[in-house]
Amino acid sequence: MKIFVHALGQYKYSTTFPVSLLISQKNGKKDEITWLNQVDIIIVVIEEAKDRLISLGIPENKIRLVSNYVRISEFTSDIKELTFELQHKNSQFFTVTYAGGFGRHRGLNILLDSIPIIV
């Protein structure tokens, strides 16, 4: 079972009309606590999510932190080869790579707005 009650407060579609009429953040938070207390194990992908659940009264021993990022050490040779290729093919360009979702809640607009400052 996946529960994304907290995330719904971050998505534009769920916080604007007409969907906002159908989704109650207040009721969702109550339901989330009830549901989370009924499961055996809760998997989160960031420490902040674990801390939030603990602050809601969820027992820490039910929560497992499983990071959802690439471990660079597992891809060292591929990265060295790719880095070498990018440096030589595009030596006149500044290259940034992003791997992940593109939802509004990711804050990519901040990254894009900062490019002129970085460059």
PDB file of N, CA and C in Angstrom:
ATOM      1  N   MET A   1       0.847  -1.175   0.000  1.00  0.00           N
ATOM      2  CA  MET A   1       0.000   0.000   0.000  1.00  0.00           C
ATOM      3  C   MET A   1       0.893   1.239   0.000  1.00  0.00           C
ATOM      4  N   LYS A   2       0.589   2.172  -0.856  1.00  0.00           N
ATOM      5  CA  LYS A   2       1.334   3.429  -0.890  1.00  0.00           C
ATOM      6  C   LYS A   2       0.452   4.533  -0.329  1.00  0.00           C
ATOM      7  N   ILE A   3       1.034   5.362   0.503  1.00  0.00           N
ATOM      8  CA  ILE A   3       0.295   6.479   1.091  1.00  0.00           C
ATOM      9  C   ILE A   3       1.088   7.749   0.822  1.00  0.00           C
ATOM     10  N   PHE A   4       0.460   8.700   0.149  1.00  0.00           N
ATOM     11  CA  PHE A   4       1.137   9.946  -0.188  1.00  0.00           C
ATOM     12  C   PHE A   4       0.356  11.157   0.317  1.00  0.00           C
ATOM     13  N   VAL A   5      -0.248  11.038   1.476  1.00  0.00           N
ATOM     14  CA  VAL A   5      -1.070  12.123   2.012  1.00  0.00           C
ATOM     15  C   VAL A   5      -0.262  13.409   2.136  1.00  0.00           C
ATOM     16  N   HIS A   6       0.925  13.320   2.710  1.00  0.00           N
ATOM     17  CA  HIS A   6       1.760  14.510   2.894  1.00  0.00           C
ATOM     18  C   HIS A   6       2.119  15.129   1.542  1.00  0.00           C
ATOM     19  N   ALA A   7       2.413  14.285   0.568  1.00  0.00           N
ATOM     20  CA  ALA A   7       2.789  14.770  -0.765  1.00  0.00           C
ATOM     21  C   ALA A   7       1.642  15.518  -1.441  1.00  0.00           C
ATOM     22  N   LEU A   8       0.411  15.133  -1.165  1.00  0.00           N
ATOM     23  CA  LEU A   8      -0.730  15.801  -1.808  1.00  0.00           C
ATOM     24  C   LEU A   8      -0.752  17.299  -1.526  1.00  0.00           C
ATOM     25  N   GLY A   9      -0.232  17.709  -0.401  1.00  0.00           N
ATOM     26  CA  GLY A   9      -0.172  19.134  -0.078  1.00  0.00           C
ATOM     27  C   GLY A   9       0.852  19.879  -0.916  1.00  0.00           C
ATOM     28  N   GLN A  10       1.729  19.134  -1.613  1.00  0.00           N
ATOM     29  CA  GLN A  10       2.777  19.744  -2.423  1.00  0.00           C
ATOM     30  C   GLN A  10       2.413  19.816  -3.908  1.00  0.00           C
ATOM     31  N   TYR A  11       1.429  19.039  -4.346  1.00  0.00           N
ATOM     32  CA  TYR A  11       1.080  18.976  -5.761  1.00  0.00           C
ATOM     33  C   TYR A  11       0.056  20.046  -6.122  1.00  0.00           C
ATOM     34  N   LYS A  12       0.303  20.722  -7.211  1.00  0.00           N
ATOM     35  CA  LYS A  12      -0.597  21.798  -7.632  1.00  0.00           C
ATOM     36  C   LYS A  12      -2.009  21.267  -7.902  1.00  0.00           C
ATOM     37  N   TYR A  13      -2.106  20.099  -8.554  1.00  0.00           N
ATOM     38  CA  TYR A  13      -3.429  19.586  -8.917  1.00  0.00           C
ATOM     39  C   TYR A  13      -4.301  19.322  -7.697  1.00  0.00           C
ATOM     40  N   SER A  14      -3.696  18.943  -6.584  1.00  0.00           N
ATOM     41  CA  SER A  14      -4.498  18.599  -5.410  1.00  0.00           C
ATOM     42  C   SER A  14      -4.772  19.787  -4.499  1.00  0.00           C
ATOM     43  N   THR A  15      -4.114  20.905  -4.754  1.00  0.00           N
ATOM     44  CA  THR A  15      -4.315  22.083  -3.895  1.00  0.00           C
ATOM     45  C   THR A  15      -5.054  23.208  -4.609  1.00  0.00           C
ATOM     46  N   THR A  16      -5.483  22.961  -5.843  1.00  0.00           N
ATOM     47  CA  THR A  16      -6.227  23.984  -6.585  1.00  0.00           C
ATOM     48  C   THR A  16      -7.586  23.433  -7.017  1.00  0.00           C
ATOM     49  N   PHE A  17      -8.497  24.339  -7.288  1.00  0.00           N
ATOM     50  CA  PHE A  17      -9.845  23.991  -7.728  1.00  0.00           C
ATOM     51  C   PHE A  17      -9.787  23.221  -9.038  1.00  0.00           C
ATOM     52  N   PRO A  18     -10.578  22.218  -9.247  1.00  0.00           N
ATOM     53  CA  PRO A  18     -11.665  21.692  -8.421  1.00  0.00           C
ATOM     54  C   PRO A  18     -11.246  20.549  -7.496  1.00  0.00           C
ATOM     55  N   VAL A  19     -10.055  19.995  -7.711  1.00  0.00           N
ATOM     56  CA  VAL A  19      -9.630  18.834  -6.923  1.00  0.00           C
ATOM     57  C   VAL A  19      -9.523  19.184  -5.441  1.00  0.00           C
ATOM     58  N   SER A  20      -9.147  20.420  -5.130  1.00  0.00           N
ATOM     59  CA  SER A  20      -9.018  20.814  -3.722  1.00  0.00           C
ATOM     60  C   SER A  20     -10.340  20.680  -2.968  1.00  0.00           C
ATOM     61  N   LEU A  21     -11.455  20.716  -3.684  1.00  0.00           N
ATOM     62  CA  LEU A  21     -12.752  20.507  -3.038  1.00  0.00           C
ATOM     63  C   LEU A  21     -12.956  19.046  -2.641  1.00  0.00           C
ATOM     64  N   LEU A  22     -12.289  18.148  -3.356  1.00  0.00           N
ATOM     65  CA  LEU A  22     -12.470  16.726  -3.128  1.00  0.00           C
ATOM     66  C   LEU A  22     -11.463  16.141  -2.138  1.00  0.00           C
ATOM     67  N   ILE A  23     -10.333  16.804  -1.985  1.00  0.00           N
ATOM     68  CA  ILE A  23      -9.266  16.300  -1.124  1.00  0.00           C
ATOM     69  C   ILE A  23      -9.139  17.192   0.104  1.00  0.00           C
ATOM     70  N   SER A  24      -9.393  16.615   1.248  1.00  0.00           N
ATOM     71  CA  SER A  24      -9.266  17.349   2.503  1.00  0.00           C
ATOM     72  C   SER A  24      -7.915  17.037   3.126  1.00  0.00           C
ATOM     73  N   GLN A  25      -7.043  18.031   3.189  1.00  0.00           N
ATOM     74  CA  GLN A  25      -5.724  17.819   3.799  1.00  0.00           C
ATOM     75  C   GLN A  25      -5.874  17.441   5.274  1.00  0.00           C
ATOM     76  N   LYS A  26      -6.808  18.076   5.955  1.00  0.00           N
ATOM     77  CA  LYS A  26      -7.009  17.808   7.391  1.00  0.00           C
ATOM     78  C   LYS A  26      -7.439  16.355   7.607  1.00  0.00           C
ATOM     79  N   ASN A  27      -8.442  15.911   6.851  1.00  0.00           N
ATOM     80  CA  ASN A  27      -8.898  14.527   6.995  1.00  0.00           C
ATOM     81  C   ASN A  27      -7.830  13.546   6.527  1.00  0.00           C
ATOM     82  N   GLY A  28      -7.112  13.916   5.489  1.00  0.00           N
ATOM     83  CA  GLY A  28      -6.054  13.058   4.973  1.00  0.00           C
ATOM     84  C   GLY A  28      -4.981  12.794   6.006  1.00  0.00           C
ATOM     85  N   LYS A  29      -4.629  13.818   6.773  1.00  0.00           N
ATOM     86  CA  LYS A  29      -3.598  13.660   7.807  1.00  0.00           C
ATOM     87  C   LYS A  29      -4.071  12.725   8.918  1.00  0.00           C
ATOM     88  N   LYS A  30      -5.346  12.836   9.292  1.00  0.00           N
ATOM     89  CA  LYS A  30      -5.897  11.924  10.304  1.00  0.00           C
ATOM     90  C   LYS A  30      -5.884  10.495   9.776  1.00  0.00           C
ATOM     91  N   ASP A  31      -6.322  10.331   8.515  1.00  0.00           N
ATOM     92  CA  ASP A  31      -6.356   9.004   7.902  1.00  0.00           C
ATOM     93  C   ASP A  31      -4.943   8.421   7.795  1.00  0.00           C
ATOM     94  N   GLU A  32      -3.978   9.263   7.454  1.00  0.00           N
ATOM     95  CA  GLU A  32      -2.598   8.802   7.310  1.00  0.00           C
ATOM     96  C   GLU A  32      -2.109   8.172   8.614  1.00  0.00           C
ATOM     97  N   ILE A  33      -2.343   8.819   9.727  1.00  0.00           N
ATOM     98  CA  ILE A  33      -1.892   8.296  11.021  1.00  0.00           C
ATOM     99  C   ILE A  33      -2.580   6.960  11.314  1.00  0.00           C
ATOM    100  N   THR A  34      -3.879   6.884  11.048  1.00  0.00           N
ATOM    101  CA  THR A  34      -4.619   5.634  11.261  1.00  0.00           C
ATOM    102  C   THR A  34      -4.039   4.520  10.401  1.00  0.00           C
ATOM    103  N   TRP A  35      -3.857   4.802   9.103  1.00  0.00           N
ATOM    104  CA  TRP A  35      -3.342   3.783   8.180  1.00  0.00           C
ATOM    105  C   TRP A  35      -1.930   3.346   8.560  1.00  0.00           C
ATOM    106  N   LEU A  36      -1.074   4.301   8.883  1.00  0.00           N
ATOM    107  CA  LEU A  36       0.317   3.971   9.197  1.00  0.00           C
ATOM    108  C   LEU A  36       0.429   3.133  10.463  1.00  0.00           C
ATOM    109  N   ASN A  37      -0.491   3.317  11.392  1.00  0.00           N
ATOM    110  CA  ASN A  37      -0.477   2.505  12.604  1.00  0.00           C
ATOM    111  C   ASN A  37      -0.973   1.085  12.343  1.00  0.00           C
ATOM    112  N   GLN A  38      -1.614   0.862  11.197  1.00  0.00           N
ATOM    113  CA  GLN A  38      -2.147  -0.465  10.878  1.00  0.00           C
ATOM    114  C   GLN A  38      -1.169  -1.335  10.088  1.00  0.00           C
ATOM    115  N   VAL A  39      -0.100  -0.765   9.569  1.00  0.00           N
ATOM    116  CA  VAL A  39       0.846  -1.538   8.763  1.00  0.00           C
ATOM    117  C   VAL A  39       2.012  -2.027   9.616  1.00  0.00           C
ATOM    118  N   ASP A  40       2.702  -3.041   9.103  1.00  0.00           N
ATOM    119  CA  ASP A  40       3.836  -3.609   9.828  1.00  0.00           C
ATOM    120  C   ASP A  40       5.116  -2.815   9.615  1.00  0.00           C
ATOM    121  N   ILE A  41       5.377  -2.425   8.371  1.00  0.00           N
ATOM    122  CA  ILE A  41       6.615  -1.733   8.018  1.00  0.00           C
ATOM    123  C   ILE A  41       6.282  -0.550   7.125  1.00  0.00           C
ATOM    124  N   ILE A  42       6.953   0.564   7.359  1.00  0.00           N
ATOM    125  CA  ILE A  42       6.785   1.776   6.548  1.00  0.00           C
ATOM    126  C   ILE A  42       8.143   2.081   5.919  1.00  0.00           C
ATOM    127  N   ILE A  43       8.167   2.236   4.607  1.00  0.00           N
ATOM    128  CA  ILE A  43       9.411   2.546   3.907  1.00  0.00           C
ATOM    129  C   ILE A  43       9.388   4.015   3.508  1.00  0.00           C
ATOM    130  N   VAL A  44      10.443   4.731   3.882  1.00  0.00           N
ATOM    131  CA  VAL A  44      10.610   6.134   3.490  1.00  0.00           C
ATOM    132  C   VAL A  44      11.947   6.261   2.766  1.00  0.00           C
ATOM    133  N   VAL A  45      12.103   7.322   1.978  1.00  0.00           N
ATOM    134  CA  VAL A  45      13.326   7.462   1.189  1.00  0.00           C
ATOM    135  C   VAL A  45      14.230   8.604   1.649  1.00  0.00           C
ATOM    136  N   ILE A  46      13.775   9.392   2.611  1.00  0.00           N
ATOM    137  CA  ILE A  46      14.616  10.457   3.155  1.00  0.00           C
ATOM    138  C   ILE A  46      14.443  10.521   4.676  1.00  0.00           C
ATOM    139  N   GLU A  47      15.505  10.947   5.337  1.00  0.00           N
ATOM    140  CA  GLU A  47      15.510  11.034   6.803  1.00  0.00           C
ATOM    141  C   GLU A  47      14.399  11.958   7.309  1.00  0.00           C
ATOM    142  N   GLU A  48      14.126  13.035   6.574  1.00  0.00           N
ATOM    143  CA  GLU A  48      13.093  13.993   6.989  1.00  0.00           C
ATOM    144  C   GLU A  48      11.724  13.334   7.061  1.00  0.00           C
ATOM    145  N   ALA A  49      11.447  12.401   6.157  1.00  0.00           N
ATOM    146  CA  ALA A  49      10.163  11.694   6.177  1.00  0.00           C
ATOM    147  C   ALA A  49      10.071  10.811   7.422  1.00  0.00           C
ATOM    148  N   LYS A  50      11.161  10.164   7.752  1.00  0.00           N
ATOM    149  CA  LYS A  50      11.200   9.345   8.966  1.00  0.00           C
ATOM    150  C   LYS A  50      10.949  10.218  10.193  1.00  0.00           C
ATOM    151  N   ASP A  51      11.624  11.355  10.262  1.00  0.00           N
ATOM    152  CA  ASP A  51      11.451  12.276  11.388  1.00  0.00           C
ATOM    153  C   ASP A  51      10.009  12.761  11.487  1.00  0.00           C
ATOM    154  N   ARG A  52       9.393  13.050  10.334  1.00  0.00           N
ATOM    155  CA  ARG A  52       7.999  13.522  10.325  1.00  0.00           C
ATOM    156  C   ARG A  52       7.067  12.460  10.874  1.00  0.00           C
ATOM    157  N   LEU A  53       7.281  11.200  10.455  1.00  0.00           N
ATOM    158  CA  LEU A  53       6.413  10.121  10.934  1.00  0.00           C
ATOM    159  C   LEU A  53       6.586   9.901  12.435  1.00  0.00           C
ATOM    160  N   ILE A  54       7.806   9.973  12.904  1.00  0.00           N
ATOM    161  CA  ILE A  54       8.053   9.835  14.348  1.00  0.00           C
ATOM    162  C   ILE A  54       7.349  10.958  15.099  1.00  0.00           C
ATOM    163  N   SER A  55       7.376  12.176  14.535  1.00  0.00           N
ATOM    164  CA  SER A  55       6.697  13.303  15.192  1.00  0.00           C
ATOM    165  C   SER A  55       5.181  13.124  15.218  1.00  0.00           C
ATOM    166  N   LEU A  56       4.652  12.266  14.326  1.00  0.00           N
ATOM    167  CA  LEU A  56       3.218  11.966  14.310  1.00  0.00           C
ATOM    168  C   LEU A  56       2.860  10.847  15.290  1.00  0.00           C
ATOM    169  N   GLY A  57       3.887  10.293  15.952  1.00  0.00           N
ATOM    170  CA  GLY A  57       3.638   9.239  16.924  1.00  0.00           C
ATOM    171  C   GLY A  57       3.808   7.836  16.366  1.00  0.00           C
ATOM    172  N   ILE A  58       4.334   7.708  15.152  1.00  0.00           N
ATOM    173  CA  ILE A  58       4.569   6.385  14.575  1.00  0.00           C
ATOM    174  C   ILE A  58       5.833   5.812  15.223  1.00  0.00           C
ATOM    175  N   PRO A  59       5.778   4.571  15.719  1.00  0.00           N
ATOM    176  CA  PRO A  59       6.961   3.977  16.358  1.00  0.00           C
ATOM    177  C   PRO A  59       8.139   3.864  15.382  1.00  0.00           C
ATOM    178  N   GLU A  60       9.297   4.284  15.824  1.00  0.00           N
ATOM    179  CA  GLU A  60      10.487   4.297  14.968  1.00  0.00           C
ATOM    180  C   GLU A  60      10.833   2.902  14.449  1.00  0.00           C
ATOM    181  N   ASN A  61      10.567   1.861  15.234  1.00  0.00           N
ATOM    182  CA  ASN A  61      10.926   0.504  14.800  1.00  0.00           C
ATOM    183  C   ASN A  61      10.082   0.005  13.625  1.00  0.00           C
ATOM    184  N   LYS A  62       9.027   0.718  13.265  1.00  0.00           N
ATOM    185  CA  LYS A  62       8.213   0.356  12.097  1.00  0.00           C
ATOM    186  C   LYS A  62       8.713   1.022  10.812  1.00  0.00           C
ATOM    187  N   ILE A  63       9.643   1.960  10.949  1.00  0.00           N
ATOM    188  CA  ILE A  63      10.055   2.779   9.810  1.00  0.00           C
ATOM    189  C   ILE A  63      11.414   2.309   9.290  1.00  0.00           C
ATOM    190  N   ARG A  64      11.494   2.110   7.974  1.00  0.00           N
ATOM    191  CA  ARG A  64      12.752   1.731   7.324  1.00  0.00           C
ATOM    192  C   ARG A  64      13.132   2.815   6.319  1.00  0.00           C
ATOM    193  N   LEU A  65      14.370   3.250   6.384  1.00  0.00           N
ATOM    194  CA  LEU A  65      14.886   4.251   5.449  1.00  0.00           C
ATOM    195  C   LEU A  65      15.617   3.522   4.326  1.00  0.00           C
ATOM    196  N   VAL A  66      15.106   3.660   3.105  1.00  0.00           N
ATOM    197  CA  VAL A  66      15.727   3.052   1.931  1.00  0.00           C
ATOM    198  C   VAL A  66      15.972   4.180   0.935  1.00  0.00           C
ATOM    199  N   SER A  67      17.216   4.583   0.809  1.00  0.00           N
ATOM    200  CA  SER A  67      17.553   5.705  -0.074  1.00  0.00           C
ATOM    201  C   SER A  67      17.255   5.352  -1.529  1.00  0.00           C
ATOM    202  N   ASN A  68      16.769   6.321  -2.271  1.00  0.00           N
ATOM    203  CA  ASN A  68      16.424   6.085  -3.676  1.00  0.00           C
ATOM    204  C   ASN A  68      17.318   6.897  -4.607  1.00  0.00           C
ATOM    205  N   TYR A  69      18.624   6.832  -4.365  1.00  0.00           N
ATOM    206  CA  TYR A  69      19.565   7.542  -5.211  1.00  0.00           C
ATOM    207  C   TYR A  69      20.651   6.568  -5.654  1.00  0.00           C
ATOM    208  N   VAL A  70      21.356   6.961  -6.670  1.00  0.00           N
ATOM    209  CA  VAL A  70      22.430   6.135  -7.203  1.00  0.00           C
ATOM    210  C   VAL A  70      23.639   6.231  -6.289  1.00  0.00           C
ATOM    211  N   ARG A  71      24.216   5.108  -5.962  1.00  0.00           N
ATOM    212  CA  ARG A  71      25.467   5.094  -5.211  1.00  0.00           C
ATOM    213  C   ARG A  71      26.602   5.232  -6.223  1.00  0.00           C
ATOM    214  N   ILE A  72      27.244   6.379  -6.206  1.00  0.00           N
ATOM    215  CA  ILE A  72      28.285   6.705  -7.178  1.00  0.00           C
ATOM    216  C   ILE A  72      29.351   5.618  -7.241  1.00  0.00           C
ATOM    217  N   SER A  73      29.711   5.040  -6.121  1.00  0.00           N
ATOM    218  CA  SER A  73      30.775   4.032  -6.100  1.00  0.00           C
ATOM    219  C   SER A  73      30.436   2.819  -6.964  1.00  0.00           C
ATOM    220  N   GLU A  74      29.153   2.534  -7.142  1.00  0.00           N
ATOM    221  CA  GLU A  74      28.748   1.400  -7.967  1.00  0.00           C
ATOM    222  C   GLU A  74      28.860   1.686  -9.462  1.00  0.00           C
ATOM    223  N   PHE A  75      28.985   2.954  -9.827  1.00  0.00           N
ATOM    224  CA  PHE A  75      29.020   3.334 -11.228  1.00  0.00           C
ATOM    225  C   PHE A  75      30.266   4.132 -11.586  1.00  0.00           C
ATOM    226  N   THR A  76      31.312   3.984 -10.789  1.00  0.00           N
ATOM    227  CA  THR A  76      32.519   4.800 -10.951  1.00  0.00           C
ATOM    228  C   THR A  76      33.088   4.734 -12.362  1.00  0.00           C
ATOM    229  N   SER A  77      33.269   3.550 -12.912  1.00  0.00           N
ATOM    230  CA  SER A  77      33.901   3.447 -14.235  1.00  0.00           C
ATOM    231  C   SER A  77      33.015   4.080 -15.305  1.00  0.00           C
ATOM    232  N   ASP A  78      31.713   3.867 -15.227  1.00  0.00           N
ATOM    233  CA  ASP A  78      30.803   4.472 -16.201  1.00  0.00           C
ATOM    234  C   ASP A  78      30.841   5.992 -16.107  1.00  0.00           C
ATOM    235  N   ILE A  79      30.887   6.515 -14.897  1.00  0.00           N
ATOM    236  CA  ILE A  79      30.901   7.961 -14.699  1.00  0.00           C
ATOM    237  C   ILE A  79      32.202   8.565 -15.220  1.00  0.00           C
ATOM    238  N   LYS A  80      33.338   7.890 -14.962  1.00  0.00           N
ATOM    239  CA  LYS A  80      34.615   8.398 -15.456  1.00  0.00           C
ATOM    240  C   LYS A  80      34.603   8.472 -16.979  1.00  0.00           C
ATOM    241  N   GLU A  81      34.072   7.426 -17.616  1.00  0.00           N
ATOM    242  CA  GLU A  81      34.014   7.395 -19.077  1.00  0.00           C
ATOM    243  C   GLU A  81      33.084   8.481 -19.596  1.00  0.00           C
ATOM    244  N   LEU A  82      31.918   8.616 -18.984  1.00  0.00           N
ATOM    245  CA  LEU A  82      30.959   9.632 -19.407  1.00  0.00           C
ATOM    246  C   LEU A  82      31.513  11.036 -19.178  1.00  0.00           C
ATOM    247  N   THR A  83      32.131  11.249 -18.039  1.00  0.00           N
ATOM    248  CA  THR A  83      32.716  12.554 -17.735  1.00  0.00           C
ATOM    249  C   THR A  83      33.784  12.919 -18.755  1.00  0.00           C
ATOM    250  N   PHE A  84      34.658  11.969 -19.080  1.00  0.00           N
ATOM    251  CA  PHE A  84      35.708  12.206 -20.067  1.00  0.00           C
ATOM    252  C   PHE A  84      35.083  12.581 -21.413  1.00  0.00           C
ATOM    253  N   GLU A  85      34.062  11.816 -21.808  1.00  0.00           N
ATOM    254  CA  GLU A  85      33.391  12.069 -23.091  1.00  0.00           C
ATOM    255  C   GLU A  85      32.741  13.449 -23.111  1.00  0.00           C
ATOM    256  N   LEU A  86      32.029  13.803 -22.044  1.00  0.00           N
ATOM    257  CA  LEU A  86      31.365  15.109 -21.984  1.00  0.00           C
ATOM    258  C   LEU A  86      32.376  16.255 -21.993  1.00  0.00           C
ATOM    259  N   GLN A  87      33.467  16.076 -21.283  1.00  0.00           N
ATOM    260  CA  GLN A  87      34.475  17.135 -21.217  1.00  0.00           C
ATOM    261  C   GLN A  87      35.108  17.390 -22.581  1.00  0.00           C
ATOM    262  N   HIS A  88      35.312  16.340 -23.350  1.00  0.00           N
ATOM    263  CA  HIS A  88      35.969  16.515 -24.632  1.00  0.00           C
ATOM    264  C   HIS A  88      34.999  16.896 -25.759  1.00  0.00           C
ATOM    265  N   LYS A  89      33.796  16.376 -25.723  1.00  0.00           N
ATOM    266  CA  LYS A  89      32.813  16.721 -26.752  1.00  0.00           C
ATOM    267  C   LYS A  89      32.272  18.133 -26.573  1.00  0.00           C
ATOM    268  N   ASN A  90      32.099  18.529 -25.338  1.00  0.00           N
ATOM    269  CA  ASN A  90      31.428  19.786 -25.035  1.00  0.00           C
ATOM    270  C   ASN A  90      32.312  20.701 -24.198  1.00  0.00           C
ATOM    271  N   SER A  91      33.572  20.759 -24.509  1.00  0.00           N
ATOM    272  CA  SER A  91      34.500  21.490 -23.655  1.00  0.00           C
ATOM    273  C   SER A  91      34.178  22.978 -23.561  1.00  0.00           C
ATOM    274  N   GLN A  92      33.446  23.520 -24.527  1.00  0.00           N
ATOM    275  CA  GLN A  92      33.116  24.938 -24.476  1.00  0.00           C
ATOM    276  C   GLN A  92      31.800  25.194 -23.721  1.00  0.00           C
ATOM    277  N   PHE A  93      31.144  24.125 -23.259  1.00  0.00           N
ATOM    278  CA  PHE A  93      29.864  24.268 -22.572  1.00  0.00           C
ATOM    279  C   PHE A  93      29.969  23.894 -21.096  1.00  0.00           C
ATOM    280  N   PHE A  94      29.108  24.519 -20.298  1.00  0.00           N
ATOM    281  CA  PHE A  94      28.938  24.154 -18.896  1.00  0.00           C
ATOM    282  C   PHE A  94      27.816  23.120 -18.866  1.00  0.00           C
ATOM    283  N   THR A  95      28.069  21.922 -18.349  1.00  0.00           N
ATOM    284  CA  THR A  95      27.093  20.839 -18.399  1.00  0.00           C
ATOM    285  C   THR A  95      26.596  20.492 -17.005  1.00  0.00           C
ATOM    286  N   VAL A  96      25.272  20.425 -16.870  1.00  0.00           N
ATOM    287  CA  VAL A  96      24.635  20.003 -15.623  1.00  0.00           C
ATOM    288  C   VAL A  96      23.685  18.870 -15.978  1.00  0.00           C
ATOM    289  N   THR A  97      23.674  17.826 -15.161  1.00  0.00           N
ATOM    290  CA  THR A  97      22.772  16.705 -15.392  1.00  0.00           C
ATOM    291  C   THR A  97      21.861  16.542 -14.184  1.00  0.00           C
ATOM    292  N   TYR A  98      20.578  16.324 -14.449  1.00  0.00           N
ATOM    293  CA  TYR A  98      19.606  16.063 -13.383  1.00  0.00           C
ATOM    294  C   TYR A  98      18.901  14.757 -13.693  1.00  0.00           C
ATOM    295  N   ALA A  99      18.816  13.879 -12.736  1.00  0.00           N
ATOM    296  CA  ALA A  99      18.076  12.630 -12.887  1.00  0.00           C
ATOM    297  C   ALA A  99      17.009  12.604 -11.809  1.00  0.00           C
ATOM    298  N   GLY A 100      15.775  12.597 -12.215  1.00  0.00           N
ATOM    299  CA  GLY A 100      14.690  12.569 -11.241  1.00  0.00           C
ATOM    300  C   GLY A 100      13.399  13.071 -11.851  1.00  0.00           C
ATOM    301  N   GLY A 101      12.385  13.176 -11.022  1.00  0.00           N
ATOM    302  CA  GLY A 101      11.082  13.645 -11.480  1.00  0.00           C
ATOM    303  C   GLY A 101      11.093  15.128 -11.804  1.00  0.00           C
ATOM    304  N   PHE A 102      10.146  15.545 -12.624  1.00  0.00           N
ATOM    305  CA  PHE A 102      10.075  16.935 -13.045  1.00  0.00           C
ATOM    306  C   PHE A 102       8.821  17.636 -12.520  1.00  0.00           C
ATOM    307  N   GLY A 103       8.210  17.095 -11.476  1.00  0.00           N
ATOM    308  CA  GLY A 103       7.022  17.719 -10.908  1.00  0.00           C
ATOM    309  C   GLY A 103       7.339  19.091 -10.333  1.00  0.00           C
ATOM    310  N   ARG A 104       6.340  19.944 -10.303  1.00  0.00           N
ATOM    311  CA  ARG A 104       6.500  21.309  -9.801  1.00  0.00           C
ATOM    312  C   ARG A 104       7.070  21.329  -8.378  1.00  0.00           C
ATOM    313  N   HIS A 105       6.673  20.354  -7.570  1.00  0.00           N
ATOM    314  CA  HIS A 105       7.116  20.295  -6.174  1.00  0.00           C
ATOM    315  C   HIS A 105       8.607  20.022  -6.036  1.00  0.00           C
ATOM    316  N   ARG A 106       9.285  19.629  -7.111  1.00  0.00           N
ATOM    317  CA  ARG A 106      10.722  19.352  -7.058  1.00  0.00           C
ATOM    318  C   ARG A 106      11.559  20.630  -6.966  1.00  0.00           C
ATOM    319  N   GLY A 107      10.965  21.775  -7.316  1.00  0.00           N
ATOM    320  CA  GLY A 107      11.688  23.036  -7.212  1.00  0.00           C
ATOM    321  C   GLY A 107      12.706  23.261  -8.311  1.00  0.00           C
ATOM    322  N   LEU A 108      12.531  22.589  -9.433  1.00  0.00           N
ATOM    323  CA  LEU A 108      13.482  22.748 -10.534  1.00  0.00           C
ATOM    324  C   LEU A 108      13.481  24.161 -11.093  1.00  0.00           C
ATOM    325  N   ASN A 109      12.391  24.880 -10.899  1.00  0.00           N
ATOM    326  CA  ASN A 109      12.351  26.269 -11.357  1.00  0.00           C
ATOM    327  C   ASN A 109      13.443  27.094 -10.669  1.00  0.00           C
ATOM    328  N   ILE A 110      13.753  26.776  -9.429  1.00  0.00           N
ATOM    329  CA  ILE A 110      14.821  27.486  -8.715  1.00  0.00           C
ATOM    330  C   ILE A 110      16.166  27.195  -9.367  1.00  0.00           C
ATOM    331  N   LEU A 111      16.383  25.936  -9.705  1.00  0.00           N
ATOM    332  CA  LEU A 111      17.617  25.553 -10.387  1.00  0.00           C
ATOM    333  C   LEU A 111      17.738  26.284 -11.726  1.00  0.00           C
ATOM    334  N   LEU A 112      16.669  26.261 -12.498  1.00  0.00           N
ATOM    335  CA  LEU A 112      16.709  26.918 -13.820  1.00  0.00           C
ATOM    336  C   LEU A 112      16.903  28.418 -13.699  1.00  0.00           C
ATOM    337  N   ASP A 113      16.235  29.022 -12.730  1.00  0.00           N
ATOM    338  CA  ASP A 113      16.388  30.471 -12.527  1.00  0.00           C
ATOM    339  C   ASP A 113      17.804  30.850 -12.083  1.00  0.00           C
ATOM    340  N   SER A 114      18.503  29.901 -11.450  1.00  0.00           N
ATOM    341  CA  SER A 114      19.841  30.201 -10.934  1.00  0.00           C
ATOM    342  C   SER A 114      20.952  30.019 -11.969  1.00  0.00           C
ATOM    343  N   ILE A 115      20.639  29.411 -13.095  1.00  0.00           N
ATOM    344  CA  ILE A 115      21.671  29.128 -14.101  1.00  0.00           C
ATOM    345  C   ILE A 115      22.435  30.388 -14.528  1.00  0.00           C
ATOM    346  N   PRO A 116      21.766  31.515 -14.825  1.00  0.00           N
ATOM    347  CA  PRO A 116      22.534  32.691 -15.202  1.00  0.00           C
ATOM    348  C   PRO A 116      23.517  33.146 -14.111  1.00  0.00           C
ATOM    349  N   ILE A 117      23.148  32.969 -12.859  1.00  0.00           N
ATOM    350  CA  ILE A 117      24.039  33.337 -11.760  1.00  0.00           C
ATOM    351  C   ILE A 117      25.225  32.387 -11.690  1.00  0.00           C
ATOM    352  N   ILE A 118      24.960  31.094 -11.848  1.00  0.00           N
ATOM    353  CA  ILE A 118      26.017  30.082 -11.801  1.00  0.00           C
ATOM    354  C   ILE A 118      27.007  30.278 -12.943  1.00  0.00           C
ATOM    355  N   VAL A 119      26.476  30.464 -14.131  1.00  0.00           N
ATOM    356  CA  VAL A 119      27.331  30.617 -15.319  1.00  0.00           C
ATOM    357  C   VAL A 119      28.120  31.918 -15.225  1.00  0.00           C
TER     358      VAL A 119
END
